[in-house]
Amino acid sequence: MDVFEIKVTLQDIRPFIWRRIQVPVDIRFGKFHRVLQAVMGWTNSHLHAFRIGDMTYGVPHPDSPDLAQSGRVIPLDKVAGPGDAFLYEYDFGDGWMHEIKVEKALPADPAAHYPRCLTGERACPPEDCGGPPGYEDLLAVLRDPAHPEHEEIREWVGPRYDPEAFDPDEVNRLLWRLH
């Protein structure tokens, strides 16, 4: 079995929030979506779509007529390979757009567990914070203890939320549970 090494970058956020992962080349989009949810820190509470060339793959839904076909059973290596990039959109209301860049194909390490997260930077934005502009506002409020909404926002995101933190070991523990 071969694996793809993939870089996932959340768009419209600076500094970048990104992850480098390895997945089996034949991972189906249904499972790939669950992997992306785990590695980015999302909670799978919203619709999603993969936009590859002229095609859009996702879970068909009456509120999203642009989903051309279900991607649940399509293997990744049938539509993308090393050097290809495509988009993964999560939460159509907030519009979290991710660039998925297939960096290379490698032989699988028989001692490794796939999928796995190799590295990354920064915590994922909290769900339902209003997309990139809302996230920028949230960060500004968190940085300013004198802001009138500081305590409310801090309570909402939780006392442990650190926008600069990322722990690949914690992500890999989540990925182990995807079987």
C-alpha atoms as a PDB file:
ATOM      1  CA  MET A   1       0.000   0.000   0.000  1.00  0.00           C
ATOM      2  CA  ASP A   2       1.165   3.524  -0.764  1.00  0.00           C
ATOM      3  CA  VAL A   3       0.313   6.686   1.131  1.00  0.00           C
ATOM      4  CA  PHE A   4      -0.122  10.283   0.075  1.00  0.00           C
ATOM      5  CA  GLU A   5       1.604  12.985   2.077  1.00  0.00           C
ATOM      6  CA  ILE A   6      -0.775  15.923   2.082  1.00  0.00           C
ATOM      7  CA  LYS A   7      -0.594  19.490   3.335  1.00  0.00           C
ATOM      8  CA  VAL A   8      -3.899  20.949   4.496  1.00  0.00           C
ATOM      9  CA  THR A   9      -3.978  24.755   4.807  1.00  0.00           C
ATOM     10  CA  LEU A  10      -6.928  26.754   6.094  1.00  0.00           C
ATOM     11  CA  GLN A  11      -7.407  29.673   3.693  1.00  0.00           C
ATOM     12  CA  ASP A  12      -7.906  33.375   4.536  1.00  0.00           C
ATOM     13  CA  ILE A  13      -6.217  33.144   7.955  1.00  0.00           C
ATOM     14  CA  ARG A  14      -2.776  34.601   8.734  1.00  0.00           C
ATOM     15  CA  PRO A  15      -0.553  33.316  10.131  1.00  0.00           C
ATOM     16  CA  PHE A  16      -1.530  30.065   8.442  1.00  0.00           C
ATOM     17  CA  ILE A  17      -3.260  27.181  10.230  1.00  0.00           C
ATOM     18  CA  TRP A  18      -2.014  24.006   8.559  1.00  0.00           C
ATOM     19  CA  ARG A  19      -1.415  20.268   8.957  1.00  0.00           C
ATOM     20  CA  ARG A  20       0.785  17.728   7.176  1.00  0.00           C
ATOM     21  CA  ILE A  21      -0.800  14.287   7.111  1.00  0.00           C
ATOM     22  CA  GLN A  22      -0.355  10.887   5.522  1.00  0.00           C
ATOM     23  CA  VAL A  23      -3.311   8.849   4.316  1.00  0.00           C
ATOM     24  CA  PRO A  24      -3.680   5.684   2.230  1.00  0.00           C
ATOM     25  CA  VAL A  25      -3.821   6.672  -1.454  1.00  0.00           C
ATOM     26  CA  ASP A  26      -7.136   4.839  -1.837  1.00  0.00           C
ATOM     27  CA  ILE A  27      -8.864   6.490   1.151  1.00  0.00           C
ATOM     28  CA  ARG A  28     -12.510   7.137   0.306  1.00  0.00           C
ATOM     29  CA  PHE A  29     -13.745  10.715   0.529  1.00  0.00           C
ATOM     30  CA  GLY A  30     -16.203   9.813   3.299  1.00  0.00           C
ATOM     31  CA  LYS A  31     -13.332   8.751   5.548  1.00  0.00           C
ATOM     32  CA  PHE A  32     -11.024  11.501   4.259  1.00  0.00           C
ATOM     33  CA  HIS A  33     -13.613  14.036   5.437  1.00  0.00           C
ATOM     34  CA  ARG A  34     -13.539  12.463   8.921  1.00  0.00           C
ATOM     35  CA  VAL A  35      -9.725  12.584   8.885  1.00  0.00           C
ATOM     36  CA  LEU A  36      -9.783  16.278   7.998  1.00  0.00           C
ATOM     37  CA  GLN A  37     -12.279  16.950  10.769  1.00  0.00           C
ATOM     38  CA  ALA A  38      -9.940  15.288  13.285  1.00  0.00           C
ATOM     39  CA  VAL A  39      -6.703  16.880  12.114  1.00  0.00           C
ATOM     40  CA  MET A  40      -8.140  20.381  11.843  1.00  0.00           C
ATOM     41  CA  GLY A  41     -10.109  20.212  15.083  1.00  0.00           C
ATOM     42  CA  TRP A  42     -13.600  20.584  13.633  1.00  0.00           C
ATOM     43  CA  THR A  43     -16.619  18.808  15.129  1.00  0.00           C
ATOM     44  CA  ASN A  44     -18.393  17.540  11.971  1.00  0.00           C
ATOM     45  CA  SER A  45     -21.406  19.734  12.710  1.00  0.00           C
ATOM     46  CA  HIS A  46     -21.862  21.163   9.203  1.00  0.00           C
ATOM     47  CA  LEU A  47     -22.008  20.259   5.521  1.00  0.00           C
ATOM     48  CA  HIS A  48     -18.828  19.907   3.494  1.00  0.00           C
ATOM     49  CA  ALA A  49     -17.675  19.567  -0.105  1.00  0.00           C
ATOM     50  CA  PHE A  50     -14.538  18.679  -2.003  1.00  0.00           C
ATOM     51  CA  ARG A  51     -14.008  20.813  -5.115  1.00  0.00           C
ATOM     52  CA  ILE A  52     -11.698  19.062  -7.577  1.00  0.00           C
ATOM     53  CA  GLY A  53     -11.449  20.565 -11.029  1.00  0.00           C
ATOM     54  CA  ASP A  54     -14.969  20.925 -12.394  1.00  0.00           C
ATOM     55  CA  MET A  55     -16.444  18.400  -9.942  1.00  0.00           C
ATOM     56  CA  THR A  56     -17.890  18.873  -6.487  1.00  0.00           C
ATOM     57  CA  TYR A  57     -18.112  15.879  -4.175  1.00  0.00           C
ATOM     58  CA  GLY A  58     -19.930  15.772  -0.886  1.00  0.00           C
ATOM     59  CA  VAL A  59     -22.971  14.469   0.885  1.00  0.00           C
ATOM     60  CA  PRO A  60     -26.003  15.284  -1.305  1.00  0.00           C
ATOM     61  CA  HIS A  61     -28.334  17.634   0.543  1.00  0.00           C
ATOM     62  CA  PRO A  62     -31.411  19.624  -0.573  1.00  0.00           C
ATOM     63  CA  ASP A  63     -29.843  22.850   0.763  1.00  0.00           C
ATOM     64  CA  SER A  64     -26.740  22.301  -1.391  1.00  0.00           C
ATOM     65  CA  PRO A  65     -27.819  21.572  -4.970  1.00  0.00           C
ATOM     66  CA  ASP A  66     -24.293  22.208  -6.313  1.00  0.00           C
ATOM     67  CA  LEU A  67     -23.055  18.882  -4.918  1.00  0.00           C
ATOM     68  CA  ALA A  68     -22.683  17.044  -8.204  1.00  0.00           C
ATOM     69  CA  GLN A  69     -22.177  13.606  -6.707  1.00  0.00           C
ATOM     70  CA  SER A  70     -21.591  11.807  -3.491  1.00  0.00           C
ATOM     71  CA  GLY A  71     -17.910  11.465  -2.749  1.00  0.00           C
ATOM     72  CA  ARG A  72     -18.409   8.990   0.062  1.00  0.00           C
ATOM     73  CA  VAL A  73     -17.138   5.938  -1.865  1.00  0.00           C
ATOM     74  CA  ILE A  74     -14.723   7.537  -4.347  1.00  0.00           C
ATOM     75  CA  PRO A  75     -11.043   6.752  -3.643  1.00  0.00           C
ATOM     76  CA  LEU A  76      -8.766   9.789  -3.472  1.00  0.00           C
ATOM     77  CA  ASP A  77      -6.227   8.335  -5.929  1.00  0.00           C
ATOM     78  CA  LYS A  78      -8.917   8.163  -8.645  1.00  0.00           C
ATOM     79  CA  VAL A  79      -9.230  11.963  -8.753  1.00  0.00           C
ATOM     80  CA  ALA A  80      -5.919  13.343  -7.396  1.00  0.00           C
ATOM     81  CA  GLY A  81      -2.237  12.511  -7.255  1.00  0.00           C
ATOM     82  CA  PRO A  82       1.153  14.006  -6.363  1.00  0.00           C
ATOM     83  CA  GLY A  83       1.331  17.688  -7.283  1.00  0.00           C
ATOM     84  CA  ASP A  84      -2.452  18.143  -7.373  1.00  0.00           C
ATOM     85  CA  ALA A  85      -4.281  20.640  -5.223  1.00  0.00           C
ATOM     86  CA  PHE A  86      -7.995  20.970  -4.579  1.00  0.00           C
ATOM     87  CA  LEU A  87     -10.387  22.585  -2.108  1.00  0.00           C
ATOM     88  CA  TYR A  88     -12.249  21.236   0.893  1.00  0.00           C
ATOM     89  CA  GLU A  89     -15.016  23.495   2.149  1.00  0.00           C
ATOM     90  CA  TYR A  90     -16.474  22.995   5.590  1.00  0.00           C
ATOM     91  CA  ASP A  91     -19.500  24.807   7.022  1.00  0.00           C
ATOM     92  CA  PHE A  92     -21.036  26.576   4.047  1.00  0.00           C
ATOM     93  CA  GLY A  93     -22.351  29.343   6.348  1.00  0.00           C
ATOM     94  CA  ASP A  94     -18.942  30.224   7.811  1.00  0.00           C
ATOM     95  CA  GLY A  95     -17.153  29.208   4.618  1.00  0.00           C
ATOM     96  CA  TRP A  96     -14.020  27.508   5.933  1.00  0.00           C
ATOM     97  CA  MET A  97     -12.009  26.807   2.785  1.00  0.00           C
ATOM     98  CA  HIS A  98      -8.994  24.500   2.955  1.00  0.00           C
ATOM     99  CA  GLU A  99      -6.381  23.916   0.284  1.00  0.00           C
ATOM    100  CA  ILE A 100      -5.525  20.215   0.046  1.00  0.00           C
ATOM    101  CA  LYS A 101      -2.133  19.761  -1.636  1.00  0.00           C
ATOM    102  CA  VAL A 102      -1.032  16.218  -2.448  1.00  0.00           C
ATOM    103  CA  GLU A 103       2.715  16.661  -1.982  1.00  0.00           C
ATOM    104  CA  LYS A 104       3.930  13.142  -2.762  1.00  0.00           C
ATOM    105  CA  ALA A 105       3.222   9.431  -2.778  1.00  0.00           C
ATOM    106  CA  LEU A 106       5.335   7.181  -0.560  1.00  0.00           C
ATOM    107  CA  PRO A 107       5.498   3.493   0.246  1.00  0.00           C
ATOM    108  CA  ALA A 108       3.667   2.862   3.499  1.00  0.00           C
ATOM    109  CA  ASP A 109       5.779   2.187   6.579  1.00  0.00           C
ATOM    110  CA  PRO A 110       4.624  -1.227   7.872  1.00  0.00           C
ATOM    111  CA  ALA A 111       5.207  -0.032  11.441  1.00  0.00           C
ATOM    112  CA  ALA A 112       3.058   3.095  11.041  1.00  0.00           C
ATOM    113  CA  HIS A 113      -0.667   3.575  11.580  1.00  0.00           C
ATOM    114  CA  TYR A 114      -2.528   5.455   8.842  1.00  0.00           C
ATOM    115  CA  PRO A 115      -3.972   7.984   8.628  1.00  0.00           C
ATOM    116  CA  ARG A 116      -1.512   9.989  10.702  1.00  0.00           C
ATOM    117  CA  CYS A 117      -0.617  13.600  11.358  1.00  0.00           C
ATOM    118  CA  LEU A 118       3.056  14.496  11.052  1.00  0.00           C
ATOM    119  CA  THR A 119       3.029  18.150  12.056  1.00  0.00           C
ATOM    120  CA  GLY A 120       1.107  21.396  11.851  1.00  0.00           C
ATOM    121  CA  GLU A 121       0.729  24.859  13.268  1.00  0.00           C
ATOM    122  CA  ARG A 122      -1.892  26.703  15.276  1.00  0.00           C
ATOM    123  CA  ALA A 123      -5.229  25.621  16.669  1.00  0.00           C
ATOM    124  CA  CYS A 124      -8.327  25.385  14.557  1.00  0.00           C
ATOM    125  CA  PRO A 125     -10.841  28.227  14.944  1.00  0.00           C
ATOM    126  CA  PRO A 126     -13.841  27.372  17.129  1.00  0.00           C
ATOM    127  CA  GLU A 127     -16.976  26.153  15.349  1.00  0.00           C
ATOM    128  CA  ASP A 128     -19.569  28.795  14.500  1.00  0.00           C
ATOM    129  CA  CYS A 129     -17.334  31.804  15.113  1.00  0.00           C
ATOM    130  CA  GLY A 130     -18.286  33.470  11.823  1.00  0.00           C
ATOM    131  CA  GLY A 131     -15.677  32.300   9.332  1.00  0.00           C
ATOM    132  CA  PRO A 132     -12.354  34.073   8.818  1.00  0.00           C
ATOM    133  CA  PRO A 133     -13.658  37.588   9.633  1.00  0.00           C
ATOM    134  CA  GLY A 134     -15.425  36.344  12.773  1.00  0.00           C
ATOM    135  CA  TYR A 135     -12.306  34.472  13.830  1.00  0.00           C
ATOM    136  CA  GLU A 136     -10.183  37.621  13.464  1.00  0.00           C
ATOM    137  CA  ASP A 137     -12.714  39.474  15.655  1.00  0.00           C
ATOM    138  CA  LEU A 138     -12.647  36.637  18.200  1.00  0.00           C
ATOM    139  CA  LEU A 139      -8.834  36.786  18.394  1.00  0.00           C
ATOM    140  CA  ALA A 140      -8.917  40.563  18.879  1.00  0.00           C
ATOM    141  CA  VAL A 141     -11.368  40.172  21.782  1.00  0.00           C
ATOM    142  CA  LEU A 142      -9.264  37.418  23.382  1.00  0.00           C
ATOM    143  CA  ARG A 143      -6.122  39.578  23.160  1.00  0.00           C
ATOM    144  CA  ASP A 144      -7.831  42.491  24.927  1.00  0.00           C
ATOM    145  CA  PRO A 145      -8.802  41.710  28.541  1.00  0.00           C
ATOM    146  CA  ALA A 146     -10.464  45.157  28.725  1.00  0.00           C
ATOM    147  CA  HIS A 147     -12.798  44.398  25.826  1.00  0.00           C
ATOM    148  CA  PRO A 148     -16.446  44.313  27.014  1.00  0.00           C
ATOM    149  CA  GLU A 149     -16.959  40.833  25.470  1.00  0.00           C
ATOM    150  CA  HIS A 150     -13.648  39.348  26.648  1.00  0.00           C
ATOM    151  CA  GLU A 151     -15.058  37.267  29.522  1.00  0.00           C
ATOM    152  CA  GLU A 152     -18.015  36.033  27.475  1.00  0.00           C
ATOM    153  CA  ILE A 153     -15.811  34.958  24.559  1.00  0.00           C
ATOM    154  CA  ARG A 154     -13.239  33.371  26.889  1.00  0.00           C
ATOM    155  CA  GLU A 155     -16.025  31.349  28.526  1.00  0.00           C
ATOM    156  CA  TRP A 156     -17.421  30.352  25.109  1.00  0.00           C
ATOM    157  CA  VAL A 157     -14.078  29.075  23.726  1.00  0.00           C
ATOM    158  CA  GLY A 158     -13.060  27.582  27.077  1.00  0.00           C
ATOM    159  CA  PRO A 159     -10.185  28.405  29.377  1.00  0.00           C
ATOM    160  CA  ARG A 160      -7.798  26.029  27.588  1.00  0.00           C
ATOM    161  CA  TYR A 161      -8.292  27.433  24.088  1.00  0.00           C
ATOM    162  CA  ASP A 162      -4.942  28.717  22.812  1.00  0.00           C
ATOM    163  CA  PRO A 163      -4.989  29.824  19.158  1.00  0.00           C
ATOM    164  CA  GLU A 164      -1.243  29.189  18.875  1.00  0.00           C
ATOM    165  CA  ALA A 165      -1.292  25.626  20.244  1.00  0.00           C
ATOM    166  CA  PHE A 166      -1.166  22.458  18.184  1.00  0.00           C
ATOM    167  CA  ASP A 167      -0.404  18.925  19.385  1.00  0.00           C
ATOM    168  CA  PRO A 168       0.030  16.264  16.661  1.00  0.00           C
ATOM    169  CA  ASP A 169       0.083  13.512  19.309  1.00  0.00           C
ATOM    170  CA  GLU A 170      -3.414  14.502  20.423  1.00  0.00           C
ATOM    171  CA  VAL A 171      -4.573  14.494  16.787  1.00  0.00           C
ATOM    172  CA  ASN A 172      -3.069  11.047  16.237  1.00  0.00           C
ATOM    173  CA  ARG A 173      -4.984   9.736  19.253  1.00  0.00           C
ATOM    174  CA  LEU A 174      -8.180  10.941  17.550  1.00  0.00           C
ATOM    175  CA  LEU A 175      -7.141   9.347  14.264  1.00  0.00           C
ATOM    176  CA  TRP A 176      -6.649   5.963  15.983  1.00  0.00           C
ATOM    177  CA  ARG A 177     -10.376   6.036  16.834  1.00  0.00           C
ATOM    178  CA  LEU A 178     -11.474   6.401  13.201  1.00  0.00           C
ATOM    179  CA  HIS A 179     -11.427   2.672  12.507  1.00  0.00           C
END
